[in-house]
């Protein structure tokens, strides 16, 4: 009879731990990392870039890279909400604003300069 309460406690603990991992990330926790982005329909065609975003205190810092890893720009400002980030940077002597909104755990969508659609995919670390 004593085994039953321990078994019930074990099952309850298992469900509790699974529920804790299921919480979705927001804000800094969600956007920190490496994002492969595609800016669609610019005058020079579709443009691929990579945002490398790092958590700093309660905010985000980072750089913009091309697909080979070459630094194109430093992010000068980042505005965060629970599911949206707005990034400010300069490329080719043009100030650019890119807004990304969480779509799911590894995808975001948004726009650049309010004119061009942006699709972003989280780059997962390879082991």
N, C-alpha and C. Protein backbone atom coordinates (compact mmCIF):
# COMPACT_ATOMS: atom_id res chain seq x y z
N UNK A 1 0.81 -1.19 0.00
CA UNK A 1 0.00 0.00 0.00
C UNK A 1 0.86 1.26 0.00
N UNK A 2 2.06 1.21 0.59
CA UNK A 2 2.89 2.40 0.66
C UNK A 2 3.47 2.76 -0.71
N UNK A 3 3.54 1.82 -1.62
CA UNK A 3 4.08 2.10 -2.94
C UNK A 3 3.16 3.00 -3.75
N UNK A 4 1.87 2.90 -3.54
CA UNK A 4 0.90 3.68 -4.31
C UNK A 4 1.12 5.19 -4.16
N UNK A 5 1.25 5.76 -2.94
CA UNK A 5 1.47 7.21 -2.83
C UNK A 5 2.78 7.65 -3.49
N UNK A 6 3.83 6.84 -3.37
CA UNK A 6 5.10 7.21 -3.99
C UNK A 6 4.99 7.18 -5.52
N UNK A 7 4.28 6.21 -6.07
CA UNK A 7 4.07 6.14 -7.52
C UNK A 7 3.26 7.34 -7.99
N UNK A 8 2.22 7.68 -7.25
CA UNK A 8 1.38 8.82 -7.60
C UNK A 8 2.20 10.11 -7.53
N UNK A 9 3.04 10.25 -6.52
CA UNK A 9 3.91 11.42 -6.38
C UNK A 9 4.89 11.51 -7.55
N UNK A 10 5.43 10.37 -7.97
CA UNK A 10 6.36 10.34 -9.10
C UNK A 10 5.69 10.76 -10.40
N UNK A 11 4.49 10.28 -10.64
CA UNK A 11 3.76 10.65 -11.86
C UNK A 11 3.42 12.13 -11.83
N UNK A 12 2.99 12.64 -10.69
CA UNK A 12 2.66 14.06 -10.56
C UNK A 12 3.90 14.92 -10.82
N UNK A 13 5.04 14.52 -10.28
CA UNK A 13 6.29 15.26 -10.50
C UNK A 13 6.68 15.27 -11.97
N UNK A 14 6.49 14.16 -12.65
CA UNK A 14 6.80 14.07 -14.07
C UNK A 14 5.95 15.06 -14.87
N UNK A 15 4.65 15.08 -14.63
CA UNK A 15 3.78 16.01 -15.34
C UNK A 15 4.12 17.46 -15.03
N UNK A 16 4.48 17.74 -13.80
CA UNK A 16 4.85 19.10 -13.41
C UNK A 16 6.12 19.54 -14.12
N UNK A 17 7.10 18.66 -14.23
CA UNK A 17 8.35 19.02 -14.90
C UNK A 17 8.14 19.20 -16.40
N UNK A 18 7.31 18.41 -17.02
CA UNK A 18 7.02 18.57 -18.45
C UNK A 18 6.30 19.88 -18.71
N UNK A 19 5.42 20.26 -17.82
CA UNK A 19 4.68 21.51 -17.98
C UNK A 19 5.63 22.71 -17.85
N UNK A 20 6.62 22.63 -16.99
CA UNK A 20 7.57 23.73 -16.81
C UNK A 20 8.39 23.96 -18.07
N UNK A 21 8.76 22.91 -18.79
CA UNK A 21 9.52 23.05 -20.02
C UNK A 21 8.68 23.55 -21.18
N UNK A 22 7.37 23.41 -21.10
CA UNK A 22 6.49 23.77 -22.19
C UNK A 22 6.22 25.28 -22.26
N UNK A 23 6.66 26.04 -21.29
CA UNK A 23 6.43 27.48 -21.31
C UNK A 23 7.20 28.09 -22.47
N UNK A 24 6.55 29.00 -23.18
CA UNK A 24 7.20 29.62 -24.33
C UNK A 24 8.03 30.81 -23.90
N UNK A 25 9.10 31.04 -24.64
CA UNK A 25 9.98 32.17 -24.36
C UNK A 25 9.42 33.43 -25.00
N UNK A 26 9.69 34.56 -24.36
CA UNK A 26 9.28 35.85 -24.91
C UNK A 26 10.41 36.85 -24.71
N UNK A 27 10.31 37.99 -25.36
CA UNK A 27 11.26 39.07 -25.17
C UNK A 27 12.69 38.67 -25.44
N UNK A 28 13.57 39.07 -24.53
CA UNK A 28 15.00 38.82 -24.68
C UNK A 28 15.28 37.32 -24.81
N UNK A 29 14.63 36.52 -24.00
CA UNK A 29 14.87 35.07 -24.01
C UNK A 29 14.53 34.47 -25.38
N UNK A 30 13.50 34.98 -26.03
CA UNK A 30 13.11 34.45 -27.33
C UNK A 30 14.05 34.92 -28.44
N UNK A 31 14.34 36.21 -28.49
CA UNK A 31 15.08 36.77 -29.62
C UNK A 31 16.59 36.59 -29.54
N UNK A 32 17.15 36.34 -28.37
CA UNK A 32 18.59 36.12 -28.26
C UNK A 32 18.97 34.89 -29.07
N UNK A 33 20.02 35.03 -29.87
CA UNK A 33 20.48 33.92 -30.69
C UNK A 33 20.81 34.39 -32.10
N UNK A 34 20.93 33.44 -32.98
CA UNK A 34 21.30 33.73 -34.36
C UNK A 34 20.08 33.51 -35.25
N UNK A 35 19.76 34.49 -36.10
CA UNK A 35 18.59 34.44 -36.96
C UNK A 35 19.00 34.64 -38.42
N UNK A 36 18.65 33.69 -39.26
CA UNK A 36 18.84 33.81 -40.70
C UNK A 36 17.60 34.50 -41.26
N UNK A 37 17.79 35.62 -41.94
CA UNK A 37 16.65 36.38 -42.44
C UNK A 37 16.69 36.54 -43.95
N UNK A 38 15.51 36.68 -44.52
CA UNK A 38 15.36 36.96 -45.94
C UNK A 38 14.48 38.19 -46.06
N UNK A 39 15.03 39.26 -46.64
CA UNK A 39 14.28 40.48 -46.90
C UNK A 39 13.82 40.38 -48.35
N UNK A 40 12.50 40.39 -48.54
CA UNK A 40 11.91 40.10 -49.84
C UNK A 40 11.54 41.39 -50.58
N UNK A 41 11.98 41.48 -51.84
CA UNK A 41 11.53 42.54 -52.73
C UNK A 41 12.26 43.85 -52.66
N UNK A 42 13.51 43.86 -52.21
CA UNK A 42 14.25 45.12 -52.18
C UNK A 42 14.60 45.51 -53.62
N UNK A 43 14.96 46.78 -53.88
CA UNK A 43 15.31 47.19 -55.24
C UNK A 43 16.46 46.36 -55.84
N UNK A 44 17.33 45.81 -54.99
CA UNK A 44 18.42 44.97 -55.50
C UNK A 44 18.10 43.48 -55.39
N UNK A 45 16.82 43.15 -55.25
CA UNK A 45 16.39 41.75 -55.15
C UNK A 45 16.25 41.31 -53.71
N UNK A 46 15.93 40.04 -53.53
CA UNK A 46 15.81 39.48 -52.18
C UNK A 46 17.19 39.47 -51.54
N UNK A 47 17.24 39.79 -50.25
CA UNK A 47 18.53 39.92 -49.57
C UNK A 47 18.55 39.01 -48.34
N UNK A 48 19.58 38.19 -48.24
CA UNK A 48 19.77 37.32 -47.07
C UNK A 48 20.76 37.97 -46.12
N UNK A 49 20.41 37.96 -44.83
CA UNK A 49 21.27 38.48 -43.78
C UNK A 49 21.13 37.60 -42.55
N UNK A 50 22.07 37.73 -41.66
CA UNK A 50 22.02 37.00 -40.39
C UNK A 50 22.13 38.01 -39.26
N UNK A 51 21.18 37.95 -38.32
CA UNK A 51 21.25 38.76 -37.12
C UNK A 51 21.81 37.88 -36.00
N UNK A 52 22.87 38.35 -35.37
CA UNK A 52 23.44 37.66 -34.21
C UNK A 52 23.12 38.52 -33.00
N UNK A 53 22.17 38.08 -32.20
CA UNK A 53 21.64 38.87 -31.09
C UNK A 53 22.03 38.23 -29.76
N UNK A 54 22.54 39.06 -28.85
CA UNK A 54 22.97 38.58 -27.54
C UNK A 54 22.26 39.33 -26.44
N UNK A 55 21.97 38.61 -25.38
CA UNK A 55 21.33 39.20 -24.21
C UNK A 55 22.35 40.04 -23.46
N UNK A 56 21.97 41.26 -23.13
CA UNK A 56 22.81 42.14 -22.31
C UNK A 56 21.91 42.79 -21.27
N UNK A 57 22.13 42.50 -20.00
CA UNK A 57 21.27 42.96 -18.91
C UNK A 57 19.83 42.59 -19.25
N UNK A 58 18.98 43.57 -19.50
CA UNK A 58 17.59 43.27 -19.86
C UNK A 58 17.32 43.55 -21.33
N UNK A 59 18.37 43.84 -22.10
CA UNK A 59 18.19 44.18 -23.51
C UNK A 59 18.93 43.25 -24.44
N UNK A 60 19.06 43.72 -25.68
CA UNK A 60 19.71 42.95 -26.74
C UNK A 60 20.77 43.82 -27.41
N UNK A 61 21.91 43.22 -27.70
CA UNK A 61 22.93 43.84 -28.54
C UNK A 61 23.20 42.88 -29.68
N UNK A 62 23.89 43.34 -30.72
CA UNK A 62 24.18 42.40 -31.78
C UNK A 62 24.78 43.01 -33.02
N UNK A 63 24.94 42.15 -34.01
CA UNK A 63 25.51 42.55 -35.29
C UNK A 63 24.67 41.95 -36.42
N UNK A 64 24.86 42.55 -37.60
CA UNK A 64 24.25 42.04 -38.83
C UNK A 64 25.40 41.49 -39.67
N UNK A 65 25.23 40.26 -40.16
CA UNK A 65 26.26 39.60 -40.97
C UNK A 65 25.68 39.21 -42.32
N UNK A 66 26.58 39.01 -43.30
CA UNK A 66 26.13 38.39 -44.54
C UNK A 66 26.11 36.88 -44.31
N UNK A 67 25.77 36.12 -45.32
CA UNK A 67 25.63 34.67 -45.15
C UNK A 67 26.95 33.94 -44.94
N UNK A 68 28.07 34.63 -45.19
CA UNK A 68 29.38 34.01 -44.95
C UNK A 68 29.91 34.31 -43.56
N UNK A 69 29.20 35.15 -42.80
CA UNK A 69 29.64 35.52 -41.47
C UNK A 69 30.37 36.85 -41.40
N UNK A 70 30.51 37.54 -42.53
CA UNK A 70 31.18 38.84 -42.55
C UNK A 70 30.25 39.89 -41.94
N UNK A 71 30.80 40.68 -41.02
CA UNK A 71 30.01 41.71 -40.35
C UNK A 71 29.66 42.83 -41.33
N UNK A 72 28.37 43.12 -41.42
CA UNK A 72 27.89 44.21 -42.26
C UNK A 72 27.60 45.47 -41.46
N UNK A 73 27.16 45.28 -40.20
CA UNK A 73 26.76 46.43 -39.39
C UNK A 73 26.63 46.00 -37.93
N UNK A 74 26.65 47.02 -37.07
CA UNK A 74 26.35 46.81 -35.65
C UNK A 74 24.94 47.31 -35.38
N UNK A 75 24.20 46.58 -34.60
CA UNK A 75 22.87 47.04 -34.23
C UNK A 75 23.04 48.17 -33.21
N UNK A 76 22.53 49.34 -33.56
CA UNK A 76 22.72 50.52 -32.71
C UNK A 76 21.65 50.66 -31.64
N UNK A 77 20.49 50.03 -31.88
CA UNK A 77 19.39 50.12 -30.92
C UNK A 77 18.47 48.94 -31.15
N UNK A 78 17.90 48.42 -30.06
CA UNK A 78 16.92 47.34 -30.15
C UNK A 78 15.79 47.64 -29.17
N UNK A 79 14.57 47.64 -29.68
CA UNK A 79 13.38 47.84 -28.84
C UNK A 79 12.66 46.51 -28.75
N UNK A 80 12.38 46.08 -27.52
CA UNK A 80 11.78 44.77 -27.28
C UNK A 80 10.41 44.87 -26.64
N UNK A 81 9.52 44.03 -27.11
CA UNK A 81 8.25 43.76 -26.45
C UNK A 81 8.21 42.26 -26.24
N UNK A 82 7.12 41.73 -25.71
CA UNK A 82 7.05 40.30 -25.44
C UNK A 82 7.26 39.47 -26.70
N UNK A 83 6.64 39.85 -27.82
CA UNK A 83 6.71 39.05 -29.03
C UNK A 83 7.26 39.79 -30.24
N UNK A 84 7.80 40.99 -30.05
CA UNK A 84 8.29 41.81 -31.15
C UNK A 84 9.62 42.44 -30.79
N UNK A 85 10.51 42.54 -31.79
CA UNK A 85 11.76 43.27 -31.62
C UNK A 85 11.92 44.20 -32.82
N UNK A 86 12.38 45.41 -32.57
CA UNK A 86 12.69 46.36 -33.63
C UNK A 86 14.18 46.65 -33.55
N UNK A 87 14.88 46.39 -34.67
CA UNK A 87 16.33 46.54 -34.73
C UNK A 87 16.69 47.74 -35.61
N UNK A 88 17.65 48.54 -35.14
CA UNK A 88 18.12 49.72 -35.87
C UNK A 88 19.59 49.51 -36.21
N UNK A 89 19.95 49.72 -37.48
CA UNK A 89 21.33 49.55 -37.93
C UNK A 89 21.50 50.29 -39.26
N UNK A 90 22.74 50.40 -39.74
CA UNK A 90 23.03 51.06 -41.02
C UNK A 90 23.72 50.08 -41.94
N UNK A 91 23.30 50.09 -43.22
CA UNK A 91 23.95 49.29 -44.25
C UNK A 91 24.08 50.16 -45.50
N UNK A 92 25.28 50.18 -46.07
CA UNK A 92 25.56 50.97 -47.27
C UNK A 92 25.12 52.42 -47.11
N UNK A 93 25.45 52.99 -45.95
CA UNK A 93 25.15 54.38 -45.63
C UNK A 93 23.66 54.69 -45.56
N UNK A 94 22.82 53.66 -45.35
CA UNK A 94 21.39 53.84 -45.18
C UNK A 94 20.99 53.33 -43.80
N UNK A 95 20.25 54.15 -43.08
CA UNK A 95 19.71 53.70 -41.79
C UNK A 95 18.54 52.76 -42.06
N UNK A 96 18.55 51.62 -41.40
CA UNK A 96 17.55 50.59 -41.63
C UNK A 96 16.86 50.24 -40.32
N UNK A 97 15.56 50.01 -40.40
CA UNK A 97 14.78 49.55 -39.26
C UNK A 97 14.12 48.24 -39.67
N UNK A 98 14.36 47.19 -38.90
CA UNK A 98 13.74 45.89 -39.16
C UNK A 98 12.94 45.48 -37.94
N UNK A 99 11.70 45.12 -38.16
CA UNK A 99 10.83 44.65 -37.08
C UNK A 99 10.52 43.18 -37.30
N UNK A 100 10.70 42.38 -36.24
CA UNK A 100 10.39 40.95 -36.28
C UNK A 100 9.36 40.63 -35.22
N UNK A 101 8.40 39.80 -35.58
CA UNK A 101 7.36 39.36 -34.65
C UNK A 101 7.38 37.84 -34.57
N UNK A 102 7.35 37.32 -33.36
CA UNK A 102 7.38 35.88 -33.12
C UNK A 102 6.22 35.20 -33.84
N UNK A 103 6.56 34.16 -34.61
CA UNK A 103 5.54 33.34 -35.28
C UNK A 103 5.36 32.03 -34.54
N UNK A 104 6.48 31.36 -34.24
CA UNK A 104 6.50 30.17 -33.40
C UNK A 104 7.88 30.12 -32.75
N UNK A 105 8.25 29.03 -32.14
CA UNK A 105 9.49 28.99 -31.38
C UNK A 105 10.76 29.24 -32.20
N UNK A 106 10.73 28.95 -33.50
CA UNK A 106 11.93 29.10 -34.32
C UNK A 106 11.73 29.96 -35.56
N UNK A 107 10.60 30.65 -35.67
CA UNK A 107 10.31 31.47 -36.85
C UNK A 107 9.72 32.81 -36.43
N UNK A 108 10.10 33.84 -37.19
CA UNK A 108 9.55 35.17 -36.98
C UNK A 108 9.30 35.79 -38.35
N UNK A 109 8.36 36.71 -38.41
CA UNK A 109 8.08 37.44 -39.64
C UNK A 109 8.06 38.92 -39.31
N UNK A 110 8.15 39.74 -40.33
CA UNK A 110 8.11 41.17 -40.07
C UNK A 110 8.33 41.97 -41.32
N UNK A 111 8.98 43.13 -41.13
CA UNK A 111 9.23 44.00 -42.26
C UNK A 111 10.50 44.81 -42.03
N UNK A 112 11.04 45.28 -43.15
CA UNK A 112 12.18 46.19 -43.11
C UNK A 112 11.69 47.52 -43.68
N UNK A 113 11.90 48.57 -42.95
CA UNK A 113 11.53 49.92 -43.35
C UNK A 113 10.03 50.06 -43.61
N UNK A 114 9.24 49.14 -43.11
CA UNK A 114 7.80 49.18 -43.32
C UNK A 114 7.39 48.88 -44.75
N UNK A 115 8.35 48.47 -45.59
CA UNK A 115 8.07 48.26 -47.02
C UNK A 115 8.33 46.85 -47.50
N UNK A 116 9.31 46.16 -46.91
CA UNK A 116 9.75 44.88 -47.42
C UNK A 116 9.47 43.78 -46.40
N UNK A 117 8.86 42.69 -46.85
CA UNK A 117 8.59 41.57 -45.96
C UNK A 117 9.88 40.90 -45.55
N UNK A 118 9.91 40.43 -44.29
CA UNK A 118 11.08 39.73 -43.76
C UNK A 118 10.62 38.41 -43.16
N UNK A 119 11.35 37.36 -43.50
CA UNK A 119 11.14 36.05 -42.90
C UNK A 119 12.42 35.68 -42.16
N UNK A 120 12.28 35.21 -40.92
CA UNK A 120 13.44 34.87 -40.10
C UNK A 120 13.31 33.46 -39.54
N UNK A 121 14.44 32.74 -39.53
CA UNK A 121 14.49 31.39 -38.98
C UNK A 121 15.65 31.34 -38.00
N UNK A 122 15.39 30.81 -36.81
CA UNK A 122 16.45 30.65 -35.82
C UNK A 122 17.48 29.65 -36.33
N UNK A 123 18.76 30.01 -36.21
CA UNK A 123 19.84 29.11 -36.59
C UNK A 123 20.21 28.31 -35.36
N UNK A 124 20.04 27.00 -35.45
CA UNK A 124 20.33 26.14 -34.31
C UNK A 124 21.81 25.78 -34.33
N UNK A 125 22.40 25.74 -33.15
CA UNK A 125 23.81 25.39 -33.02
C UNK A 125 24.00 23.93 -33.41
N UNK A 126 25.04 23.67 -34.17
CA UNK A 126 25.37 22.30 -34.54
C UNK A 126 26.37 21.75 -33.54
N UNK A 127 26.25 20.48 -33.25
CA UNK A 127 27.13 19.87 -32.23
C UNK A 127 28.34 19.25 -32.87
